[in-house]
Amino acid sequence: MARRLVPLSEEVFVEACRRIDAGDAQRVDLKTATMHLLALLVEKAPGGSVEVRVPPFAAVQCISGSRHTRGTPPAVVEMDAPTWIALARGQLKWNEATLRASGERSDLSPHLPLVDV
C-alpha cells in the first residue's frame, strides 16, 4: 500500500518556494514542494479517478469517480516538478502548461491553484 502524503508546515514549504523562485532550488526543494502540493490536491479533491504523476517524486490518485486499483488508470496527468509547482501555485495556467493528460476528469484546472502565491 502506498503511503499517504501529508502537507508540510507552511514554514518549510515557503522556504523551499523561496529557493525555487530565486533559482537556487536543489532537488530536495523540488521534491518537498511537489509532495506538499500533491498532498493538498488530494485533500481538496479526494478520490481515485485520476492519477497525477510528477516523476520521479510522487504519484497520487484524486478526484471523485470510479476508483482505479490495477493496470493503467482511466485518467492520467503527468508533468515535471517545475510545471506542477507553478500550476499548483497559480503561476502557470492549465492551458499554457506542457504536460500529458488523458481520460475523463484529467483537466485539473477547477482545482488549481492550491495555494496563494
C-alpha atoms as a PDB file:
ATOM      1  CA  MET A   1       0.000   0.000   0.000  1.00  0.00           C
ATOM      2  CA  ALA A   2       1.296   3.453  -0.918  1.00  0.00           C
ATOM      3  CA  ARG A   3       1.967   5.860   1.880  1.00  0.00           C
ATOM      4  CA  ARG A   4      -0.329   8.832   2.251  1.00  0.00           C
ATOM      5  CA  LEU A   5       1.223  12.215   1.533  1.00  0.00           C
ATOM      6  CA  VAL A   6       0.912  14.745   4.331  1.00  0.00           C
ATOM      7  CA  PRO A   7       1.207  18.509   3.809  1.00  0.00           C
ATOM      8  CA  LEU A   8       4.268  20.181   5.290  1.00  0.00           C
ATOM      9  CA  SER A   9       4.387  23.086   7.675  1.00  0.00           C
ATOM     10  CA  GLU A  10       3.863  26.432   5.973  1.00  0.00           C
ATOM     11  CA  GLU A  11       7.365  27.494   7.016  1.00  0.00           C
ATOM     12  CA  VAL A  12       9.097  24.544   5.307  1.00  0.00           C
ATOM     13  CA  PHE A  13       7.029  24.979   2.142  1.00  0.00           C
ATOM     14  CA  VAL A  14       7.615  28.745   1.952  1.00  0.00           C
ATOM     15  CA  GLU A  15      11.370  28.288   2.381  1.00  0.00           C
ATOM     16  CA  ALA A  16      11.510  25.698  -0.430  1.00  0.00           C
ATOM     17  CA  CYS A  17       9.475  28.029  -2.680  1.00  0.00           C
ATOM     18  CA  ARG A  18      11.774  30.926  -1.850  1.00  0.00           C
ATOM     19  CA  ARG A  19      14.747  28.941  -3.176  1.00  0.00           C
ATOM     20  CA  ILE A  20      12.762  27.767  -6.220  1.00  0.00           C
ATOM     21  CA  ASP A  21      11.745  31.348  -7.055  1.00  0.00           C
ATOM     22  CA  ALA A  22      15.304  32.597  -6.613  1.00  0.00           C
ATOM     23  CA  GLY A  23      16.632  29.958  -8.995  1.00  0.00           C
ATOM     24  CA  ASP A  24      18.608  28.329  -6.173  1.00  0.00           C
ATOM     25  CA  ALA A  25      16.466  25.208  -5.848  1.00  0.00           C
ATOM     26  CA  GLN A  26      18.066  21.908  -5.054  1.00  0.00           C
ATOM     27  CA  ARG A  27      16.449  18.571  -5.906  1.00  0.00           C
ATOM     28  CA  VAL A  28      15.164  18.328  -2.334  1.00  0.00           C
ATOM     29  CA  ASP A  29      13.312  21.663  -2.731  1.00  0.00           C
ATOM     30  CA  LEU A  30      11.517  20.403  -5.847  1.00  0.00           C
ATOM     31  CA  LYS A  31      10.646  17.164  -4.074  1.00  0.00           C
ATOM     32  CA  THR A  32       9.444  18.968  -0.950  1.00  0.00           C
ATOM     33  CA  ALA A  33       7.217  21.399  -2.845  1.00  0.00           C
ATOM     34  CA  THR A  34       5.908  18.698  -5.200  1.00  0.00           C
ATOM     35  CA  MET A  35       4.891  16.329  -2.436  1.00  0.00           C
ATOM     36  CA  HIS A  36       3.363  19.115  -0.335  1.00  0.00           C
ATOM     37  CA  LEU A  37       1.255  20.361  -3.239  1.00  0.00           C
ATOM     38  CA  LEU A  38       0.158  16.845  -4.222  1.00  0.00           C
ATOM     39  CA  ALA A  39      -0.954  16.291  -0.614  1.00  0.00           C
ATOM     40  CA  LEU A  40      -3.012  19.494  -0.821  1.00  0.00           C
ATOM     41  CA  LEU A  41      -4.569  18.324  -4.104  1.00  0.00           C
ATOM     42  CA  VAL A  42      -5.653  15.033  -2.525  1.00  0.00           C
ATOM     43  CA  GLU A  43      -7.173  16.936   0.413  1.00  0.00           C
ATOM     44  CA  LYS A  44      -9.009  19.339  -1.909  1.00  0.00           C
ATOM     45  CA  ALA A  45     -10.168  16.740  -4.451  1.00  0.00           C
ATOM     46  CA  PRO A  46     -10.231  13.313  -2.769  1.00  0.00           C
ATOM     47  CA  GLY A  47     -10.992  10.258  -4.844  1.00  0.00           C
ATOM     48  CA  GLY A  48      -9.381   7.779  -7.141  1.00  0.00           C
ATOM     49  CA  SER A  49     -10.465   8.501 -10.697  1.00  0.00           C
ATOM     50  CA  VAL A  50      -7.398  10.485 -11.802  1.00  0.00           C
ATOM     51  CA  GLU A  51      -3.757   9.643 -11.249  1.00  0.00           C
ATOM     52  CA  VAL A  52      -1.437  12.647 -11.117  1.00  0.00           C
ATOM     53  CA  ARG A  53       2.201  11.743 -11.715  1.00  0.00           C
ATOM     54  CA  VAL A  54       5.150  14.019 -11.066  1.00  0.00           C
ATOM     55  CA  PRO A  55       8.164  11.794 -11.699  1.00  0.00           C
ATOM     56  CA  PRO A  56      10.445  10.987 -10.054  1.00  0.00           C
ATOM     57  CA  PHE A  57       8.905  12.313  -6.846  1.00  0.00           C
ATOM     58  CA  ALA A  58       5.353  11.033  -6.437  1.00  0.00           C
ATOM     59  CA  ALA A  59       2.044   9.964  -7.913  1.00  0.00           C
ATOM     60  CA  VAL A  60      -1.356  10.336  -6.271  1.00  0.00           C
ATOM     61  CA  GLN A  61      -4.928   9.449  -7.046  1.00  0.00           C
ATOM     62  CA  CYS A  62      -7.545  12.145  -6.662  1.00  0.00           C
ATOM     63  CA  ILE A  63     -10.936  13.430  -7.846  1.00  0.00           C
ATOM     64  CA  SER A  64     -14.107  11.524  -7.097  1.00  0.00           C
ATOM     65  CA  GLY A  65     -15.418   8.972  -9.557  1.00  0.00           C
ATOM     66  CA  SER A  66     -14.556   5.395 -10.356  1.00  0.00           C
ATOM     67  CA  ARG A  67     -11.646   4.155  -8.276  1.00  0.00           C
ATOM     68  CA  HIS A  68      -8.571   2.809 -10.013  1.00  0.00           C
ATOM     69  CA  THR A  69      -6.949  -0.274  -8.458  1.00  0.00           C
ATOM     70  CA  ARG A  70      -4.933  -2.124 -11.141  1.00  0.00           C
ATOM     71  CA  GLY A  71      -3.357  -1.501 -14.521  1.00  0.00           C
ATOM     72  CA  THR A  72      -3.489   1.788 -16.345  1.00  0.00           C
ATOM     73  CA  PRO A  73      -5.819   4.310 -14.709  1.00  0.00           C
ATOM     74  CA  PRO A  74      -8.733   5.685 -16.766  1.00  0.00           C
ATOM     75  CA  ALA A  75      -7.332   9.211 -16.407  1.00  0.00           C
ATOM     76  CA  VAL A  76      -3.688  10.179 -16.062  1.00  0.00           C
ATOM     77  CA  VAL A  77      -1.955  13.541 -15.777  1.00  0.00           C
ATOM     78  CA  GLU A  78       1.834  13.650 -15.893  1.00  0.00           C
ATOM     79  CA  MET A  79       4.264  16.551 -15.776  1.00  0.00           C
ATOM     80  CA  ASP A  80       7.643  17.555 -14.400  1.00  0.00           C
ATOM     81  CA  ALA A  81       8.065  19.083 -10.956  1.00  0.00           C
ATOM     82  CA  PRO A  82       8.613  22.719 -12.015  1.00  0.00           C
ATOM     83  CA  THR A  83       5.410  22.619 -14.084  1.00  0.00           C
ATOM     84  CA  TRP A  84       3.400  21.073 -11.235  1.00  0.00           C
ATOM     85  CA  ILE A  85       4.712  23.582  -8.711  1.00  0.00           C
ATOM     86  CA  ALA A  86       3.912  26.536 -10.997  1.00  0.00           C
ATOM     87  CA  LEU A  87       0.401  25.230 -11.743  1.00  0.00           C
ATOM     88  CA  ALA A  88      -0.391  24.496  -8.113  1.00  0.00           C
ATOM     89  CA  ARG A  89       0.865  27.935  -7.048  1.00  0.00           C
ATOM     90  CA  GLY A  90      -1.111  29.748  -9.738  1.00  0.00           C
ATOM     91  CA  GLN A  91       1.975  30.913 -11.614  1.00  0.00           C
ATOM     92  CA  LEU A  92       1.040  28.961 -14.743  1.00  0.00           C
ATOM     93  CA  LYS A  93      -2.355  28.383 -16.343  1.00  0.00           C
ATOM     94  CA  TRP A  94      -3.510  24.875 -17.194  1.00  0.00           C
ATOM     95  CA  ASN A  95      -3.863  25.622 -20.922  1.00  0.00           C
ATOM     96  CA  GLU A  96      -0.312  27.041 -21.035  1.00  0.00           C
ATOM     97  CA  ALA A  97       1.384  24.098 -19.322  1.00  0.00           C
ATOM     98  CA  THR A  98       3.401  21.422 -21.044  1.00  0.00           C
ATOM     99  CA  LEU A  99       2.033  18.145 -19.695  1.00  0.00           C
ATOM    100  CA  ARG A 100       0.349  14.910 -20.698  1.00  0.00           C
ATOM    101  CA  ALA A 101      -3.300  14.473 -19.746  1.00  0.00           C
ATOM    102  CA  SER A 102      -5.694  11.787 -20.915  1.00  0.00           C
ATOM    103  CA  GLY A 103      -9.049  10.458 -19.884  1.00  0.00           C
ATOM    104  CA  GLU A 104     -12.160  11.789 -18.223  1.00  0.00           C
ATOM    105  CA  ARG A 105     -11.637  14.345 -15.454  1.00  0.00           C
ATOM    106  CA  SER A 106      -7.973  14.851 -16.373  1.00  0.00           C
ATOM    107  CA  ASP A 107      -8.373  18.639 -16.517  1.00  0.00           C
ATOM    108  CA  LEU A 108      -7.219  19.735 -13.063  1.00  0.00           C
ATOM    109  CA  SER A 109      -7.845  23.441 -13.646  1.00  0.00           C
ATOM    110  CA  PRO A 110     -11.020  23.553 -11.492  1.00  0.00           C
ATOM    111  CA  HIS A 111      -8.874  22.504  -8.529  1.00  0.00           C
ATOM    112  CA  LEU A 112      -5.983  24.912  -9.105  1.00  0.00           C
ATOM    113  CA  PRO A 113      -4.296  26.896  -7.701  1.00  0.00           C
ATOM    114  CA  LEU A 114      -3.856  25.135  -4.380  1.00  0.00           C
ATOM    115  CA  VAL A 115      -2.068  27.977  -2.572  1.00  0.00           C
ATOM    116  CA  ASP A 116      -1.834  31.723  -2.860  1.00  0.00           C
ATOM    117  CA  VAL A 117       1.458  32.865  -4.332  1.00  0.00           C
END
